[in-house]
Amino acid sequence: PTSDSLTTDSLKTLLQPKNSGLEGPVKYKASRITFSIKDRKTYMDGNVRIEYLNMTLEAAHVTIDWDKSLMIAVGKVDSTDSLGNPIYSYLPVFTERGNEPITGIRLEYDFKNQRGKILSGNTRMEPGYYKGKVIKKIGQNTLLVRDGYFTTCDSIENPHFYFKASKMRILMKKRAVAKPIYLYICLLY
């Protein structure tokens, strides 16, 4: 493997390998970049920023598998809570032009079909916020959310009220369809 450390703030352009399925160049920057020619993978660590077509991704760590046309981004585990669960920082933030950013613990994106999956994802959608254990992008403006909720409360991590559903289909900037739907109201004493 070869390594390339970047110290400037400008984005470099990575020309895609043959048969990668990419439609254009990938612009990137990171504190540390490693290329594995044998495995046809690129590893980026530390303040990663990637721009491709109309999307932008920022994360702590990103791996691109050129044979599978797959990008995986994860946050950095800083510590653990009292139950031993990891606490993350520098979570992946995925933005497509014209849409609100989506944040999650882990993001997978397929360059060929422009579909993705986010674990523990959340984002804003007027008039509120939605969050889900798994959010899958299956079309240009269609998301499937598993074990998700929607709220207009400003406290997205601990909302005072929310609608929860095991399955949601969201047509971005239009509507959401969910089943079954439960209304939760958190009482404060």
N, C-alpha and C. Protein backbone atom coordinates (compact mmCIF):
# COMPACT_ATOMS: atom_id res chain seq x y z
N PRO A 1 0.82 -1.19 0.00
CA PRO A 1 0.00 0.00 0.00
C PRO A 1 0.86 1.25 0.00
N THR A 2 0.36 2.28 -0.58
CA THR A 2 1.05 3.56 -0.57
C THR A 2 0.26 4.51 0.29
N SER A 3 0.94 5.53 0.79
CA SER A 3 0.30 6.47 1.70
C SER A 3 0.53 7.89 1.21
N ASP A 4 -0.45 8.77 1.46
CA ASP A 4 -0.37 10.16 1.06
C ASP A 4 -0.98 11.00 2.17
N SER A 5 -0.18 11.76 2.88
CA SER A 5 -0.72 12.62 3.93
C SER A 5 -0.91 14.02 3.39
N LEU A 6 -2.07 14.59 3.64
CA LEU A 6 -2.39 15.92 3.15
C LEU A 6 -2.35 16.90 4.31
N THR A 7 -1.74 18.04 4.07
CA THR A 7 -1.70 19.05 5.11
C THR A 7 -2.39 20.33 4.67
N THR A 8 -2.84 20.40 3.43
CA THR A 8 -3.49 21.60 2.96
C THR A 8 -5.00 21.47 3.09
N ASP A 9 -5.71 22.59 2.97
CA ASP A 9 -7.16 22.60 3.07
C ASP A 9 -7.83 22.40 1.71
N SER A 10 -7.08 22.33 0.64
CA SER A 10 -7.71 22.18 -0.67
C SER A 10 -8.05 20.72 -0.92
N LEU A 11 -9.06 20.52 -1.76
CA LEU A 11 -9.48 19.17 -2.11
C LEU A 11 -8.65 18.65 -3.27
N LYS A 12 -8.23 17.40 -3.19
CA LYS A 12 -7.52 16.74 -4.28
C LYS A 12 -8.57 16.01 -5.12
N THR A 13 -8.24 15.66 -6.34
CA THR A 13 -9.17 14.93 -7.19
C THR A 13 -8.63 13.53 -7.41
N LEU A 14 -9.47 12.54 -7.12
CA LEU A 14 -9.12 11.15 -7.30
C LEU A 14 -9.83 10.67 -8.56
N LEU A 15 -9.05 10.32 -9.57
CA LEU A 15 -9.65 9.80 -10.79
C LEU A 15 -10.02 8.35 -10.55
N GLN A 16 -11.25 8.00 -10.91
CA GLN A 16 -11.76 6.68 -10.60
C GLN A 16 -11.06 5.59 -11.39
N PRO A 17 -10.84 4.44 -10.75
CA PRO A 17 -10.27 3.30 -11.47
C PRO A 17 -11.25 2.80 -12.53
N LYS A 18 -10.73 2.05 -13.51
CA LYS A 18 -11.59 1.47 -14.54
C LYS A 18 -12.63 0.57 -13.90
N ASN A 19 -13.82 0.52 -14.50
CA ASN A 19 -14.93 -0.33 -14.05
C ASN A 19 -15.40 -0.01 -12.63
N SER A 20 -15.22 1.23 -12.19
CA SER A 20 -15.64 1.60 -10.84
C SER A 20 -17.12 1.96 -10.77
N GLY A 21 -17.73 2.28 -11.90
CA GLY A 21 -19.13 2.67 -11.90
C GLY A 21 -19.35 4.15 -11.61
N LEU A 22 -18.27 4.89 -11.41
CA LEU A 22 -18.40 6.31 -11.10
C LEU A 22 -18.65 7.12 -12.37
N GLU A 23 -19.44 8.19 -12.21
CA GLU A 23 -19.79 9.04 -13.35
C GLU A 23 -18.88 10.25 -13.47
N GLY A 24 -18.01 10.46 -12.53
CA GLY A 24 -17.13 11.62 -12.57
C GLY A 24 -16.06 11.50 -11.51
N PRO A 25 -15.22 12.53 -11.40
CA PRO A 25 -14.14 12.48 -10.42
C PRO A 25 -14.66 12.60 -8.98
N VAL A 26 -13.87 12.06 -8.06
CA VAL A 26 -14.15 12.15 -6.63
C VAL A 26 -13.12 13.13 -6.07
N LYS A 27 -13.60 14.22 -5.47
CA LYS A 27 -12.70 15.19 -4.83
C LYS A 27 -12.66 14.85 -3.35
N TYR A 28 -11.48 14.93 -2.75
CA TYR A 28 -11.33 14.47 -1.38
C TYR A 28 -10.22 15.22 -0.64
N LYS A 29 -10.30 15.15 0.69
CA LYS A 29 -9.19 15.54 1.55
C LYS A 29 -9.32 14.79 2.85
N ALA A 30 -8.22 14.55 3.50
CA ALA A 30 -8.18 13.84 4.78
C ALA A 30 -6.81 14.07 5.40
N SER A 31 -6.71 13.82 6.70
CA SER A 31 -5.42 13.96 7.37
C SER A 31 -4.45 12.88 6.91
N ARG A 32 -5.01 11.67 6.64
CA ARG A 32 -4.18 10.55 6.20
C ARG A 32 -4.95 9.75 5.16
N ILE A 33 -4.27 9.43 4.06
CA ILE A 33 -4.89 8.65 2.99
C ILE A 33 -3.96 7.51 2.62
N THR A 34 -4.52 6.31 2.56
CA THR A 34 -3.75 5.12 2.19
C THR A 34 -4.45 4.43 1.03
N PHE A 35 -3.68 4.06 0.02
CA PHE A 35 -4.22 3.35 -1.14
C PHE A 35 -3.69 1.92 -1.11
N SER A 36 -4.55 0.95 -1.29
CA SER A 36 -4.14 -0.44 -1.44
C SER A 36 -4.39 -0.82 -2.89
N ILE A 37 -3.33 -0.91 -3.65
CA ILE A 37 -3.45 -1.25 -5.08
C ILE A 37 -3.96 -2.68 -5.22
N LYS A 38 -3.43 -3.59 -4.41
CA LYS A 38 -3.80 -5.01 -4.49
C LYS A 38 -5.29 -5.21 -4.22
N ASP A 39 -5.80 -4.60 -3.15
CA ASP A 39 -7.22 -4.77 -2.78
C ASP A 39 -8.14 -3.78 -3.48
N ARG A 40 -7.56 -2.82 -4.22
CA ARG A 40 -8.33 -1.77 -4.90
C ARG A 40 -9.23 -1.03 -3.91
N LYS A 41 -8.61 -0.56 -2.81
CA LYS A 41 -9.33 0.18 -1.79
C LYS A 41 -8.56 1.44 -1.43
N THR A 42 -9.33 2.46 -1.00
CA THR A 42 -8.75 3.70 -0.51
C THR A 42 -9.23 3.89 0.92
N TYR A 43 -8.31 4.18 1.83
CA TYR A 43 -8.63 4.39 3.25
C TYR A 43 -8.30 5.85 3.59
N MET A 44 -9.29 6.55 4.16
CA MET A 44 -9.10 7.95 4.54
C MET A 44 -9.41 8.11 6.02
N ASP A 45 -8.54 8.80 6.74
CA ASP A 45 -8.71 8.98 8.18
C ASP A 45 -8.48 10.44 8.56
N GLY A 46 -9.29 10.93 9.50
CA GLY A 46 -9.11 12.25 10.07
C GLY A 46 -9.64 13.38 9.21
N ASN A 47 -10.72 14.01 9.66
CA ASN A 47 -11.32 15.15 8.97
C ASN A 47 -11.52 14.91 7.48
N VAL A 48 -12.15 13.80 7.14
CA VAL A 48 -12.37 13.42 5.75
C VAL A 48 -13.48 14.27 5.15
N ARG A 49 -13.27 14.74 3.94
CA ARG A 49 -14.30 15.44 3.17
C ARG A 49 -14.23 14.90 1.74
N ILE A 50 -15.38 14.43 1.24
CA ILE A 50 -15.46 13.88 -0.10
C ILE A 50 -16.58 14.59 -0.85
N GLU A 51 -16.32 14.98 -2.09
CA GLU A 51 -17.33 15.57 -2.95
C GLU A 51 -17.42 14.72 -4.21
N TYR A 52 -18.64 14.32 -4.57
CA TYR A 52 -18.87 13.52 -5.76
C TYR A 52 -20.23 13.92 -6.34
N LEU A 53 -20.25 14.30 -7.60
CA LEU A 53 -21.46 14.78 -8.27
C LEU A 53 -22.14 15.83 -7.39
N ASN A 54 -23.37 15.57 -6.92
CA ASN A 54 -24.10 16.56 -6.12
C ASN A 54 -24.10 16.21 -4.64
N MET A 55 -23.18 15.35 -4.19
CA MET A 55 -23.14 14.95 -2.79
C MET A 55 -21.83 15.34 -2.13
N THR A 56 -21.93 15.53 -0.80
CA THR A 56 -20.76 15.82 0.03
C THR A 56 -20.83 14.91 1.25
N LEU A 57 -19.70 14.38 1.65
CA LEU A 57 -19.62 13.54 2.84
C LEU A 57 -18.47 14.02 3.71
N GLU A 58 -18.76 14.16 5.00
CA GLU A 58 -17.72 14.47 5.98
C GLU A 58 -17.78 13.40 7.05
N ALA A 59 -16.62 12.89 7.48
CA ALA A 59 -16.58 11.81 8.47
C ALA A 59 -15.19 11.70 9.07
N ALA A 60 -15.08 10.86 10.11
CA ALA A 60 -13.78 10.60 10.72
C ALA A 60 -12.98 9.61 9.90
N HIS A 61 -13.65 8.55 9.40
CA HIS A 61 -12.99 7.49 8.63
C HIS A 61 -13.85 7.11 7.43
N VAL A 62 -13.22 6.91 6.29
CA VAL A 62 -13.92 6.49 5.08
C VAL A 62 -13.09 5.43 4.37
N THR A 63 -13.76 4.38 3.90
CA THR A 63 -13.14 3.36 3.08
C THR A 63 -13.91 3.29 1.77
N ILE A 64 -13.18 3.29 0.65
CA ILE A 64 -13.82 3.12 -0.66
C ILE A 64 -13.30 1.82 -1.26
N ASP A 65 -14.23 0.92 -1.56
CA ASP A 65 -13.93 -0.35 -2.21
C ASP A 65 -14.26 -0.16 -3.69
N TRP A 66 -13.24 -0.03 -4.53
CA TRP A 66 -13.44 0.30 -5.94
C TRP A 66 -14.06 -0.87 -6.71
N ASP A 67 -13.79 -2.11 -6.33
CA ASP A 67 -14.39 -3.26 -7.02
C ASP A 67 -15.89 -3.32 -6.79
N LYS A 68 -16.33 -2.97 -5.60
CA LYS A 68 -17.76 -3.01 -5.26
C LYS A 68 -18.44 -1.66 -5.46
N SER A 69 -17.68 -0.63 -5.83
CA SER A 69 -18.20 0.75 -5.95
C SER A 69 -18.92 1.16 -4.67
N LEU A 70 -18.34 0.81 -3.54
CA LEU A 70 -18.96 1.02 -2.24
C LEU A 70 -18.09 1.91 -1.35
N MET A 71 -18.73 2.89 -0.73
CA MET A 71 -18.06 3.78 0.22
C MET A 71 -18.67 3.55 1.59
N ILE A 72 -17.84 3.37 2.60
CA ILE A 72 -18.30 3.19 3.98
C ILE A 72 -17.65 4.26 4.84
N ALA A 73 -18.49 5.01 5.57
CA ALA A 73 -18.00 6.09 6.44
C ALA A 73 -18.46 5.81 7.86
N VAL A 74 -17.58 6.04 8.82
CA VAL A 74 -17.92 5.85 10.23
C VAL A 74 -17.38 7.01 11.05
N GLY A 75 -17.96 7.17 12.24
CA GLY A 75 -17.48 8.17 13.18
C GLY A 75 -16.33 7.62 14.00
N LYS A 76 -15.85 8.44 14.88
CA LYS A 76 -14.73 8.06 15.75
C LYS A 76 -15.29 7.74 17.14
N VAL A 77 -14.91 6.59 17.69
CA VAL A 77 -15.34 6.23 19.03
C VAL A 77 -14.41 6.96 20.01
N ASP A 78 -15.01 7.88 20.80
CA ASP A 78 -14.23 8.66 21.76
C ASP A 78 -14.15 7.99 23.13
N SER A 79 -15.27 7.40 23.56
CA SER A 79 -15.34 6.81 24.89
C SER A 79 -16.55 5.88 24.94
N THR A 80 -16.91 5.46 26.13
CA THR A 80 -18.12 4.65 26.31
C THR A 80 -18.95 5.25 27.43
N ASP A 81 -20.26 4.97 27.37
CA ASP A 81 -21.14 5.46 28.43
C ASP A 81 -21.12 4.48 29.60
N SER A 82 -21.95 4.71 30.62
CA SER A 82 -21.96 3.88 31.82
C SER A 82 -22.38 2.43 31.55
N LEU A 83 -23.05 2.19 30.41
CA LEU A 83 -23.47 0.83 30.04
C LEU A 83 -22.48 0.15 29.09
N GLY A 84 -21.40 0.85 28.76
CA GLY A 84 -20.40 0.28 27.87
C GLY A 84 -20.67 0.53 26.39
N ASN A 85 -21.70 1.32 26.07
CA ASN A 85 -22.01 1.64 24.68
C ASN A 85 -21.05 2.72 24.18
N PRO A 86 -20.60 2.60 22.93
CA PRO A 86 -19.66 3.60 22.40
C PRO A 86 -20.30 4.97 22.25
N ILE A 87 -19.51 6.00 22.51
CA ILE A 87 -19.90 7.39 22.28
C ILE A 87 -19.04 7.89 21.12
N TYR A 88 -19.71 8.37 20.06
CA TYR A 88 -19.03 8.75 18.83
C TYR A 88 -18.87 10.26 18.72
N SER A 89 -17.84 10.65 18.00
CA SER A 89 -17.68 12.04 17.56
C SER A 89 -17.36 11.99 16.07
N TYR A 90 -17.41 13.12 15.42
CA TYR A 90 -17.15 13.21 13.97
C TYR A 90 -17.98 12.19 13.20
N LEU A 91 -19.28 12.15 13.52
CA LEU A 91 -20.17 11.24 12.81
C LEU A 91 -20.24 11.60 11.34
N PRO A 92 -20.46 10.61 10.47
CA PRO A 92 -20.62 10.92 9.06
C PRO A 92 -21.81 11.85 8.83
N VAL A 93 -21.61 12.86 8.00
CA VAL A 93 -22.67 13.79 7.60
C VAL A 93 -22.73 13.74 6.09
N PHE A 94 -23.87 13.26 5.57
CA PHE A 94 -24.07 13.10 4.13
C PHE A 94 -25.06 14.15 3.65
N THR A 95 -24.67 14.92 2.63
CA THR A 95 -25.53 15.98 2.10
C THR A 95 -25.63 15.85 0.59
N GLU A 96 -26.85 15.89 0.09
CA GLU A 96 -27.09 15.97 -1.35
C GLU A 96 -27.65 17.35 -1.62
N ARG A 97 -27.20 17.97 -2.71
CA ARG A 97 -27.63 19.32 -3.05
C ARG A 97 -29.16 19.40 -3.04
N GLY A 98 -29.68 20.37 -2.32
CA GLY A 98 -31.12 20.59 -2.25
C GLY A 98 -31.82 19.85 -1.13
N ASN A 99 -31.10 18.99 -0.40
CA ASN A 99 -31.69 18.23 0.71
C ASN A 99 -30.96 18.54 2.01
N GLU A 100 -31.65 18.29 3.12
CA GLU A 100 -31.04 18.47 4.44
C GLU A 100 -29.97 17.39 4.67
N PRO A 101 -28.92 17.69 5.44
CA PRO A 101 -27.90 16.69 5.75
C PRO A 101 -28.49 15.54 6.58
N ILE A 102 -27.96 14.35 6.38
CA ILE A 102 -28.32 13.18 7.18
C ILE A 102 -27.07 12.76 7.93
N THR A 103 -27.22 12.53 9.24
CA THR A 103 -26.12 12.13 10.11
C THR A 103 -26.40 10.75 10.67
N GLY A 104 -25.36 9.95 10.88
CA GLY A 104 -25.52 8.63 11.47
C GLY A 104 -24.20 8.09 11.97
N ILE A 105 -24.25 6.93 12.60
CA ILE A 105 -23.04 6.30 13.13
C ILE A 105 -22.23 5.68 12.00
N ARG A 106 -22.92 5.06 11.05
CA ARG A 106 -22.26 4.39 9.91
C ARG A 106 -23.06 4.67 8.65
N LEU A 107 -22.37 4.96 7.57
CA LEU A 107 -23.01 5.25 6.29
C LEU A 107 -22.39 4.36 5.23
N GLU A 108 -23.24 3.75 4.41
CA GLU A 108 -22.78 2.98 3.25
C GLU A 108 -23.41 3.61 2.01
N TYR A 109 -22.62 3.79 0.95
CA TYR A 109 -23.13 4.42 -0.26
C TYR A 109 -22.61 3.67 -1.47
N ASP A 110 -23.51 3.24 -2.35
CA ASP A 110 -23.17 2.53 -3.57
C ASP A 110 -23.12 3.55 -4.71
N PHE A 111 -21.93 3.76 -5.27
CA PHE A 111 -21.76 4.75 -6.34
C PHE A 111 -22.54 4.37 -7.60
N LYS A 112 -22.63 3.08 -7.92
CA LYS A 112 -23.28 2.66 -9.16
C LYS A 112 -24.76 2.99 -9.18
N ASN A 113 -25.48 2.61 -8.12
CA ASN A 113 -26.93 2.85 -8.14
C ASN A 113 -27.35 4.05 -7.30
N GLN A 114 -26.38 4.76 -6.73
CA GLN A 114 -26.62 5.95 -5.91
C GLN A 114 -27.64 5.67 -4.81
N ARG A 115 -27.48 4.56 -4.14
CA ARG A 115 -28.31 4.19 -3.00
C ARG A 115 -27.41 4.06 -1.78
N GLY A 116 -28.01 4.24 -0.62
CA GLY A 116 -27.21 4.17 0.58
C GLY A 116 -27.99 3.68 1.78
N LYS A 117 -27.26 3.46 2.87
CA LYS A 117 -27.85 3.01 4.12
C LYS A 117 -27.13 3.72 5.26
N ILE A 118 -27.91 4.18 6.24
CA ILE A 118 -27.34 4.87 7.40
C ILE A 118 -27.84 4.18 8.66
N LEU A 119 -26.93 3.86 9.58
CA LEU A 119 -27.30 3.28 10.87
C LEU A 119 -27.42 4.39 11.90
N SER A 120 -28.50 4.35 12.69
CA SER A 120 -28.80 5.37 13.70
C SER A 120 -28.76 6.76 13.07
N GLY A 121 -29.51 6.92 12.00
CA GLY A 121 -29.50 8.17 11.26
C GLY A 121 -30.57 9.14 11.70
N ASN A 122 -30.33 10.42 11.45
CA ASN A 122 -31.33 11.46 11.72
C ASN A 122 -31.11 12.64 10.79
N THR A 123 -32.20 13.36 10.56
CA THR A 123 -32.14 14.54 9.71
C THR A 123 -33.36 15.40 9.96
N ARG A 124 -33.39 16.55 9.35
CA ARG A 124 -34.51 17.48 9.45
C ARG A 124 -35.36 17.35 8.20
N MET A 125 -36.66 17.39 8.38
CA MET A 125 -37.60 17.44 7.26
C MET A 125 -38.76 18.29 7.72
N GLU A 126 -38.94 19.42 7.08
CA GLU A 126 -40.01 20.35 7.49
C GLU A 126 -41.32 19.61 7.64
N PRO A 127 -41.99 19.77 8.74
CA PRO A 127 -41.81 20.78 9.78
C PRO A 127 -41.04 20.28 11.00
N GLY A 128 -40.31 19.15 10.92
CA GLY A 128 -39.64 18.63 12.11
C GLY A 128 -38.41 17.80 11.78
N TYR A 129 -38.22 16.74 12.58
CA TYR A 129 -37.05 15.88 12.48
C TYR A 129 -37.49 14.42 12.43
N TYR A 130 -36.69 13.58 11.79
CA TYR A 130 -36.93 12.16 11.89
C TYR A 130 -35.62 11.45 12.18
N LYS A 131 -35.77 10.27 12.79
CA LYS A 131 -34.63 9.48 13.21
C LYS A 131 -34.99 8.02 13.04
N GLY A 132 -34.02 7.16 12.75
CA GLY A 132 -34.29 5.75 12.59
C GLY A 132 -33.07 4.90 12.85
N LYS A 133 -33.32 3.64 13.25
CA LYS A 133 -32.20 2.72 13.46
C LYS A 133 -31.48 2.46 12.15
N VAL A 134 -32.26 2.30 11.07
CA VAL A 134 -31.70 2.12 9.73
C VAL A 134 -32.49 2.99 8.76
N ILE A 135 -31.78 3.80 7.99
CA ILE A 135 -32.40 4.62 6.95
C ILE A 135 -31.76 4.21 5.63
N LYS A 136 -32.60 3.78 4.68
CA LYS A 136 -32.10 3.38 3.36
C LYS A 136 -32.61 4.33 2.30
N LYS A 137 -31.71 4.77 1.45
CA LYS A 137 -32.10 5.59 0.31
C LYS A 137 -32.31 4.62 -0.85
N ILE A 138 -33.57 4.56 -1.36
CA ILE A 138 -33.87 3.60 -2.42
C ILE A 138 -34.20 4.28 -3.74
N GLY A 139 -34.30 5.58 -3.76
CA GLY A 139 -34.58 6.34 -4.97
C GLY A 139 -34.08 7.75 -4.79
N GLN A 140 -34.22 8.55 -5.82
CA GLN A 140 -33.72 9.93 -5.76
C GLN A 140 -34.25 10.68 -4.56
N ASN A 141 -35.54 10.53 -4.23
CA ASN A 141 -36.14 11.25 -3.12
C ASN A 141 -36.92 10.34 -2.18
N THR A 142 -36.59 9.05 -2.14
CA THR A 142 -37.34 8.11 -1.31
C THR A 142 -36.43 7.45 -0.28
N LEU A 143 -36.88 7.48 0.97
CA LEU A 143 -36.16 6.86 2.07
C LEU A 143 -37.05 5.83 2.75
N LEU A 144 -36.46 4.71 3.15
CA LEU A 144 -37.14 3.74 3.99
C LEU A 144 -36.50 3.81 5.37
N VAL A 145 -37.33 3.93 6.41
CA VAL A 145 -36.82 4.06 7.77
C VAL A 145 -37.36 2.90 8.59
N ARG A 146 -36.46 2.20 9.30
CA ARG A 146 -36.87 1.11 10.19
C ARG A 146 -36.71 1.59 11.63
N ASP A 147 -37.72 1.30 12.44
CA ASP A 147 -37.73 1.69 13.85
C ASP A 147 -37.40 3.17 13.99
N GLY A 148 -38.26 4.00 13.41
CA GLY A 148 -38.00 5.43 13.39
C GLY A 148 -39.06 6.24 14.10
N TYR A 149 -38.77 7.51 14.27
CA TYR A 149 -39.76 8.43 14.82
C TYR A 149 -39.66 9.77 14.14
N PHE A 150 -40.77 10.51 14.23
CA PHE A 150 -40.86 11.86 13.69
C PHE A 150 -41.35 12.77 14.80
N THR A 151 -40.75 13.94 14.92
CA THR A 151 -41.16 14.91 15.93
C THR A 151 -40.97 16.33 15.42
N THR A 152 -41.75 17.23 15.98
CA THR A 152 -41.53 18.66 15.72
C THR A 152 -40.89 19.33 16.93
N CYS A 153 -40.57 18.53 17.94
CA CYS A 153 -39.88 19.03 19.14
C CYS A 153 -38.44 19.39 18.76
N ASP A 154 -37.92 20.48 19.33
CA ASP A 154 -36.56 20.91 19.02
C ASP A 154 -35.48 20.00 19.60
N SER A 155 -35.84 19.17 20.57
CA SER A 155 -34.88 18.26 21.19
C SER A 155 -34.93 16.92 20.48
N ILE A 156 -34.14 16.77 19.40
CA ILE A 156 -34.22 15.55 18.59
C ILE A 156 -33.71 14.31 19.34
N GLU A 157 -32.72 14.46 20.21
CA GLU A 157 -32.18 13.30 20.94
C GLU A 157 -33.12 12.83 22.03
N ASN A 158 -33.81 13.74 22.69
CA ASN A 158 -34.75 13.40 23.76
C ASN A 158 -36.02 14.22 23.60
N PRO A 159 -36.82 13.91 22.57
CA PRO A 159 -38.00 14.72 22.31
C PRO A 159 -39.07 14.54 23.39
N HIS A 160 -39.84 15.61 23.61
CA HIS A 160 -40.92 15.57 24.60
C HIS A 160 -42.14 14.84 24.06
N PHE A 161 -42.24 14.73 22.73
CA PHE A 161 -43.33 14.01 22.07
C PHE A 161 -42.84 13.58 20.70
N TYR A 162 -43.36 12.46 20.20
CA TYR A 162 -42.98 11.99 18.88
C TYR A 162 -43.93 10.90 18.40
N PHE A 163 -43.96 10.71 17.09
CA PHE A 163 -44.69 9.62 16.47
C PHE A 163 -43.66 8.55 16.13
N LYS A 164 -43.90 7.32 16.59
CA LYS A 164 -42.95 6.23 16.35
C LYS A 164 -43.62 5.17 15.49
N ALA A 165 -42.82 4.58 14.59
CA ALA A 165 -43.32 3.52 13.71
C ALA A 165 -42.20 2.54 13.42
N SER A 166 -42.56 1.27 13.24
CA SER A 166 -41.54 0.28 12.91
C SER A 166 -41.11 0.39 11.45
N LYS A 167 -42.01 0.90 10.59
CA LYS A 167 -41.68 1.08 9.17
C LYS A 167 -42.18 2.43 8.70
N MET A 168 -41.31 3.17 8.00
CA MET A 168 -41.69 4.46 7.43
C MET A 168 -41.17 4.53 5.99
N ARG A 169 -41.93 5.14 5.13
CA ARG A 169 -41.49 5.45 3.77
C ARG A 169 -41.63 6.95 3.61
N ILE A 170 -40.54 7.61 3.33
CA ILE A 170 -40.53 9.07 3.27
C ILE A 170 -40.23 9.52 1.85
N LEU A 171 -41.13 10.30 1.30
CA LEU A 171 -40.90 10.98 0.03
C LEU A 171 -40.43 12.37 0.42
N MET A 172 -39.15 12.62 0.28
CA MET A 172 -38.55 13.84 0.80
C MET A 172 -39.24 15.08 0.25
N LYS A 173 -39.46 16.03 1.15
CA LYS A 173 -40.11 17.31 0.89
C LYS A 173 -41.58 17.16 0.51
N LYS A 174 -42.14 15.96 0.70
CA LYS A 174 -43.55 15.75 0.35
C LYS A 174 -44.34 15.16 1.51
N ARG A 175 -44.10 13.87 1.82
CA ARG A 175 -44.91 13.20 2.84
C ARG A 175 -44.18 11.97 3.37
N ALA A 176 -44.74 11.45 4.46
CA ALA A 176 -44.24 10.22 5.06
C ALA A 176 -45.42 9.28 5.28
N VAL A 177 -45.21 8.01 5.03
CA VAL A 177 -46.21 6.98 5.27
C VAL A 177 -45.58 6.01 6.27
N ALA A 178 -46.34 5.67 7.32
CA ALA A 178 -45.78 4.82 8.36
C ALA A 178 -46.82 3.83 8.88
N LYS A 179 -46.32 2.69 9.41
CA LYS A 179 -47.22 1.74 10.06
C LYS A 179 -46.43 0.87 10.99
N PRO A 180 -46.97 0.40 12.07
CA PRO A 180 -48.04 1.06 12.81
C PRO A 180 -47.49 2.33 13.45
N ILE A 181 -48.36 3.30 13.75
CA ILE A 181 -47.94 4.58 14.31
C ILE A 181 -48.41 4.67 15.76
N TYR A 182 -47.50 5.07 16.63
CA TYR A 182 -47.79 5.29 18.04
C TYR A 182 -47.36 6.70 18.43
N LEU A 183 -48.18 7.37 19.21
CA LEU A 183 -47.85 8.69 19.71
C LEU A 183 -47.30 8.54 21.13
N TYR A 184 -46.11 9.09 21.35
CA TYR A 184 -45.48 9.06 22.67
C TYR A 184 -45.42 10.49 23.20
N ILE A 185 -45.80 10.65 24.45
CA ILE A 185 -45.72 11.95 25.12
C ILE A 185 -44.94 11.72 26.41
N CYS A 186 -43.85 12.44 26.57
CA CYS A 186 -43.01 12.31 27.76
C CYS A 186 -43.46 13.31 28.79
N LEU A 187 -43.89 12.81 29.93
CA LEU A 187 -44.36 13.68 31.00
C LEU A 187 -43.19 14.07 31.89
N LEU A 188 -43.13 15.34 32.22
CA LEU A 188 -42.08 15.84 33.11
C LEU A 188 -42.68 16.12 34.49
N TYR A 189 -42.03 15.66 35.52
CA TYR A 189 -42.51 15.89 36.89
C TYR A 189 -41.63 16.87 37.59
